[in-house]
C-alpha atoms as a PDB file:
ATOM      1  CA  MET A   1      -0.040   0.153   0.041  1.00  0.00           C
ATOM      2  CA  LYS A   2       1.157   3.599  -0.986  1.00  0.00           C
ATOM      3  CA  LYS A   3       2.019   5.987   1.843  1.00  0.00           C
ATOM      4  CA  PRO A   4      -0.211   9.054   1.299  1.00  0.00           C
ATOM      5  CA  LYS A   5       1.398  12.211  -0.113  1.00  0.00           C
ATOM      6  CA  ARG A   6       2.207  14.838   2.761  1.00  0.00           C
ATOM      7  CA  PHE A   7       0.212  17.674   2.299  1.00  0.00           C
ATOM      8  CA  ILE A   8       2.049  21.010   1.941  1.00  0.00           C
ATOM      9  CA  LEU A   9      -0.248  23.918   1.739  1.00  0.00           C
ATOM     10  CA  SER A  10       2.305  26.397  -0.026  1.00  0.00           C
ATOM     11  CA  ALA A  11       2.666  24.027  -2.852  1.00  0.00           C
ATOM     12  CA  PHE A  12      -1.246  23.192  -3.270  1.00  0.00           C
ATOM     13  CA  LEU A  13      -1.859  26.999  -3.391  1.00  0.00           C
ATOM     14  CA  LYS A  14       0.787  27.846  -5.609  1.00  0.00           C
ATOM     15  CA  ASN A  15      -0.296  25.197  -8.206  1.00  0.00           C
ATOM     16  CA  ALA A  16      -3.952  26.547  -7.751  1.00  0.00           C
ATOM     17  CA  LEU A  17      -3.210  29.992  -8.425  1.00  0.00           C
ATOM     18  CA  ARG A  18      -1.131  29.261 -11.421  1.00  0.00           C
ATOM     19  CA  ARG A  19      -4.135  27.392 -12.817  1.00  0.00           C
ATOM     20  CA  LEU A  20      -6.413  30.227 -12.089  1.00  0.00           C
ATOM     21  CA  SER A  21      -3.945  32.801 -13.633  1.00  0.00           C
ATOM     22  CA  TYR A  22      -4.482  31.328 -17.030  1.00  0.00           C
ATOM     23  CA  LYS A  23      -7.760  32.588 -17.163  1.00  0.00           C
ATOM     24  CA  ILE A  24      -7.138  36.189 -16.145  1.00  0.00           C
ATOM     25  CA  ARG A  25      -7.952  38.951 -18.799  1.00  0.00           C
ATOM     26  CA  ALA A  26      -4.618  40.397 -18.626  1.00  0.00           C
ATOM     27  CA  ARG A  27      -3.206  37.332 -20.350  1.00  0.00           C
ATOM     28  CA  THR A  28      -5.423  37.958 -23.377  1.00  0.00           C
ATOM     29  CA  GLU A  29      -4.577  41.617 -23.604  1.00  0.00           C
ATOM     30  CA  ALA A  30      -1.080  41.021 -23.430  1.00  0.00           C
ATOM     31  CA  TYR A  31      -1.389  38.748 -26.471  1.00  0.00           C
ATOM     32  CA  ALA A  32      -4.031  41.242 -28.335  1.00  0.00           C
ATOM     33  CA  ALA A  33      -1.313  43.964 -27.631  1.00  0.00           C
ATOM     34  CA  VAL A  34       1.543  42.386 -29.730  1.00  0.00           C
ATOM     35  CA  ARG A  35      -0.397  40.028 -32.092  1.00  0.00           C
ATOM     36  CA  ILE A  36      -0.035  40.875 -35.789  1.00  0.00           C
ATOM     37  CA  PRO A  37      -1.750  39.062 -39.046  1.00  0.00           C
ATOM     38  CA  ARG A  38       0.492  36.245 -40.341  1.00  0.00           C
ATOM     39  CA  PRO A  39       2.520  37.123 -43.201  1.00  0.00           C
ATOM     40  CA  ALA A  40       1.409  35.906 -46.658  1.00  0.00           C
ATOM     41  CA  ASP A  41       4.134  33.531 -46.801  1.00  0.00           C
ATOM     42  CA  TRP A  42       3.821  31.949 -43.427  1.00  0.00           C
ATOM     43  CA  PRO A  43       4.085  28.141 -43.712  1.00  0.00           C
ATOM     44  CA  ASN A  44       0.926  27.420 -41.816  1.00  0.00           C
ATOM     45  CA  GLN A  45      -2.071  29.022 -43.834  1.00  0.00           C
ATOM     46  CA  ARG A  46      -4.570  28.330 -41.203  1.00  0.00           C
ATOM     47  CA  VAL A  47      -2.951  30.588 -38.619  1.00  0.00           C
ATOM     48  CA  LYS A  48      -4.720  33.846 -38.361  1.00  0.00           C
ATOM     49  CA  TRP A  49      -2.196  35.662 -35.925  1.00  0.00           C
ATOM     50  CA  VAL A  50       1.402  35.478 -34.957  1.00  0.00           C
ATOM     51  CA  VAL A  51       3.297  37.069 -32.075  1.00  0.00           C
ATOM     52  CA  PRO A  52       6.820  38.612 -31.663  1.00  0.00           C
ATOM     53  CA  CYS A  53       8.983  37.321 -28.978  1.00  0.00           C
ATOM     54  CA  ALA A  54       9.825  40.080 -26.612  1.00  0.00           C
ATOM     55  CA  VAL A  55      13.501  38.812 -26.436  1.00  0.00           C
ATOM     56  CA  CYS A  56      14.578  37.681 -29.657  1.00  0.00           C
ATOM     57  CA  THR A  57      11.861  39.485 -31.778  1.00  0.00           C
ATOM     58  CA  HIS A  58      11.296  36.670 -34.038  1.00  0.00           C
ATOM     59  CA  LEU A  59       7.978  35.629 -34.874  1.00  0.00           C
ATOM     60  CA  PHE A  60       6.015  32.863 -33.553  1.00  0.00           C
ATOM     61  CA  GLU A  61       2.452  31.122 -33.689  1.00  0.00           C
ATOM     62  CA  MET A  62       0.720  31.668 -30.449  1.00  0.00           C
ATOM     63  CA  GLY A  63       0.888  27.990 -29.419  1.00  0.00           C
ATOM     64  CA  ASP A  64       4.498  28.405 -29.607  1.00  0.00           C
ATOM     65  CA  THR A  65       4.662  31.081 -27.103  1.00  0.00           C
ATOM     66  CA  GLN A  66       4.337  31.824 -23.439  1.00  0.00           C
ATOM     67  CA  CYS A  67       2.991  34.680 -21.218  1.00  0.00           C
ATOM     68  CA  ASP A  68       5.740  35.769 -18.966  1.00  0.00           C
ATOM     69  CA  HIS A  69       5.780  38.029 -16.053  1.00  0.00           C
ATOM     70  CA  ILE A  70       8.398  40.867 -16.499  1.00  0.00           C
ATOM     71  CA  GLU A  71       9.051  40.712 -12.724  1.00  0.00           C
ATOM     72  CA  PRO A  72       9.197  37.045 -11.635  1.00  0.00           C
ATOM     73  CA  ILE A  73       6.272  35.913  -9.393  1.00  0.00           C
ATOM     74  CA  ILE A  74       8.868  34.637  -6.763  1.00  0.00           C
ATOM     75  CA  PRO A  75      11.341  37.470  -6.560  1.00  0.00           C
ATOM     76  CA  VAL A  76      15.019  36.325  -7.401  1.00  0.00           C
ATOM     77  CA  THR A  77      15.829  37.701  -3.849  1.00  0.00           C
ATOM     78  CA  GLY A  78      13.609  34.792  -2.636  1.00  0.00           C
ATOM     79  CA  TRP A  79      10.198  34.205  -1.354  1.00  0.00           C
ATOM     80  CA  PRO A  80       9.478  36.041   1.803  1.00  0.00           C
ATOM     81  CA  LEU A  81       8.456  34.122   4.946  1.00  0.00           C
ATOM     82  CA  ALA A  82       5.132  34.291   6.180  1.00  0.00           C
ATOM     83  CA  PRO A  83       4.415  36.803   9.185  1.00  0.00           C
ATOM     84  CA  GLU A  84       3.578  34.988  12.368  1.00  0.00           C
ATOM     85  CA  SER A  85       0.173  35.256  13.653  1.00  0.00           C
ATOM     86  CA  LYS A  86      -1.799  34.205  16.602  1.00  0.00           C
ATOM     87  CA  LEU A  87      -4.645  33.118  14.152  1.00  0.00           C
ATOM     88  CA  TYR A  88      -2.923  30.261  12.464  1.00  0.00           C
ATOM     89  CA  GLU A  89      -0.067  27.960  12.882  1.00  0.00           C
ATOM     90  CA  LEU A  90       2.922  28.001  10.381  1.00  0.00           C
ATOM     91  CA  GLU A  91       5.034  25.187   9.183  1.00  0.00           C
ATOM     92  CA  PRO A  92       8.781  25.926   9.517  1.00  0.00           C
ATOM     93  CA  ASN A  93       9.889  28.230   6.839  1.00  0.00           C
ATOM     94  CA  ALA A  94       6.090  28.917   5.584  1.00  0.00           C
ATOM     95  CA  LYS A  95       6.177  31.278   2.483  1.00  0.00           C
ATOM     96  CA  ASP A  96       4.236  34.391   2.329  1.00  0.00           C
ATOM     97  CA  MET A  97       1.308  33.648   0.016  1.00  0.00           C
ATOM     98  CA  ASN A  98       0.058  37.112  -0.290  1.00  0.00           C
ATOM     99  CA  VAL A  99       3.297  37.867  -2.164  1.00  0.00           C
ATOM    100  CA  LEU A 100       2.355  34.875  -4.562  1.00  0.00           C
ATOM    101  CA  ILE A 101      -1.173  36.375  -5.098  1.00  0.00           C
ATOM    102  CA  TYR A 102      -0.579  39.974  -5.812  1.00  0.00           C
ATOM    103  CA  ARG A 103       2.687  39.261  -8.165  1.00  0.00           C
ATOM    104  CA  THR A 104       0.580  36.539 -10.023  1.00  0.00           C
ATOM    105  CA  PHE A 105      -2.431  38.471 -10.759  1.00  0.00           C
ATOM    106  CA  VAL A 106      -1.055  41.552 -12.601  1.00  0.00           C
ATOM    107  CA  SER A 107      -2.022  43.937 -15.270  1.00  0.00           C
ATOM    108  CA  ALA A 108      -1.013  43.232 -18.923  1.00  0.00           C
ATOM    109  CA  ASP A 109       1.618  45.773 -19.073  1.00  0.00           C
ATOM    110  CA  LYS A 110       3.440  43.648 -16.566  1.00  0.00           C
ATOM    111  CA  LEU A 111       3.383  40.794 -18.842  1.00  0.00           C
ATOM    112  CA  GLN A 112       5.453  40.013 -22.127  1.00  0.00           C
ATOM    113  CA  ILE A 113       4.904  37.193 -24.684  1.00  0.00           C
ATOM    114  CA  LEU A 114       8.260  35.076 -25.208  1.00  0.00           C
ATOM    115  CA  CYS A 115       8.868  32.065 -27.455  1.00  0.00           C
ATOM    116  CA  LYS A 116       9.462  28.876 -25.451  1.00  0.00           C
ATOM    117  CA  PRO A 117      13.188  28.872 -25.735  1.00  0.00           C
ATOM    118  CA  CYS A 118      13.796  32.421 -24.638  1.00  0.00           C
ATOM    119  CA  HIS A 119      11.132  31.793 -21.758  1.00  0.00           C
ATOM    120  CA  LYS A 120      13.169  28.541 -20.677  1.00  0.00           C
ATOM    121  CA  ASP A 121      16.348  30.656 -20.674  1.00  0.00           C
ATOM    122  CA  LYS A 122      14.704  33.589 -18.691  1.00  0.00           C
ATOM    123  CA  SER A 123      13.531  31.221 -16.098  1.00  0.00           C
ATOM    124  CA  ALA A 124      16.625  29.169 -15.790  1.00  0.00           C
ATOM    125  CA  LEU A 125      18.490  32.473 -15.309  1.00  0.00           C
ATOM    126  CA  GLU A 126      16.213  33.830 -12.538  1.00  0.00           C
ATOM    127  CA  ASN A 127      16.257  30.164 -10.867  1.00  0.00           C
ATOM    128  CA  ALA A 128      19.972  30.504 -10.804  1.00  0.00           C
ATOM    129  CA  LYS A 129      19.946  33.805  -9.269  1.00  0.00           C
ATOM    130  CA  ARG A 130      17.458  32.587  -6.539  1.00  0.00           C
ATOM    131  CA  SER A 131      19.863  29.538  -5.585  1.00  0.00           C
ATOM    132  CA  GLY A 132      22.992  31.822  -5.739  1.00  0.00           C
ATOM    133  CA  LYS A 133      24.652  30.203  -8.518  1.00  0.00           C
END
């Protein structure tokens, strides 16, 4: 019999907020602000719109891009710890969920559209800064 997974509130909330953030209007507005009609010579004629990557400036189909926060959701300086309170019990080194909420749900001007390779590179750089490498 498998041992049940330990419930970690911060991980649960982080994943739930991420899923919710895909549905906010700001993401749609960020794409709408940069999309352009596909060039006539575009290989896939069924595509109506293409978007330029904010880093490499090449054009991509929308499915080959990702909406990225200009300022990372989790600061490169690290995720702040939750303030102590008599209202609730904290796990050791509990993270401040308010930071996650307010940095996840931002306006369209705080988002950028990146191709998947550029987004992967940007995320790797941010993670390296966080870990001090």
